[in-house]
Protein backbone atom coordinates (compact mmCIF):
# COMPACT_ATOMS: atom_id res chain seq x y z
CA MET A 1 0.00 0.00 0.00
CA LYS A 2 1.54 3.28 -1.04
CA ILE A 3 0.33 6.19 1.04
CA HIS A 4 2.28 9.39 0.56
CA PHE A 5 1.90 11.44 3.70
CA PRO A 6 3.77 14.48 5.04
CA THR A 7 6.11 13.60 7.89
CA ALA A 8 4.79 16.51 9.93
CA LEU A 9 1.32 14.92 10.04
CA LEU A 10 2.34 11.33 10.81
CA ARG A 11 1.65 11.68 14.52
CA ALA A 12 -1.84 12.95 13.78
CA LEU A 13 -2.41 10.00 11.42
CA ILE A 14 -1.19 7.51 14.04
CA GLU A 15 -3.50 9.07 16.62
CA SER A 16 -6.44 8.86 14.19
CA VAL A 17 -5.69 5.18 13.59
CA ARG A 18 -5.50 4.51 17.34
CA GLN A 19 -8.79 6.30 17.99
CA PHE A 20 -10.51 4.48 15.14
CA ALA A 21 -9.25 1.08 16.33
CA ALA A 22 -10.28 1.78 19.93
CA THR A 23 -13.72 3.02 18.93
CA HIS A 24 -14.43 0.10 16.59
CA LYS A 25 -12.54 -2.46 18.73
CA ARG A 26 -10.72 -3.92 15.75
CA ASN A 27 -7.79 -3.32 13.45
CA VAL A 28 -7.99 -0.71 10.71
CA THR A 29 -8.27 -2.05 7.16
CA GLY A 30 -6.19 -0.71 4.30
CA THR A 31 -9.16 1.11 2.82
CA GLU A 32 -9.96 2.70 6.18
CA LEU A 33 -6.32 3.77 6.59
CA GLN A 34 -6.41 5.44 3.20
CA SER A 35 -9.65 7.18 4.14
CA LEU A 36 -8.22 8.42 7.45
CA ALA A 37 -5.13 9.74 5.65
CA ALA A 38 -7.24 11.46 2.98
CA ASP A 39 -9.45 13.07 5.65
CA LEU A 40 -6.41 14.43 7.51
CA LYS A 41 -4.88 15.76 4.30
CA LYS A 42 -8.15 17.44 3.35
CA HIS A 43 -8.49 18.94 6.84
CA HIS A 44 -4.99 20.44 6.54
CA GLY A 45 -5.51 21.70 2.99
CA LEU A 46 -3.18 19.21 1.30
CA PRO A 47 -3.81 17.44 -2.03
CA ASP A 48 -5.37 13.96 -2.06
CA LEU A 49 -3.36 10.74 -2.03
């Protein structure tokens, strides 16, 4: 899986993954990871994946 993500936002992505996993009580799928990354990028005004 190739997700290009700014280094400065990696901590925010990791925290989003942790919150998602804790809320749903399961591991994050690849599709969900891509969606979380895209949402963070959009929120910070960065281009899509």
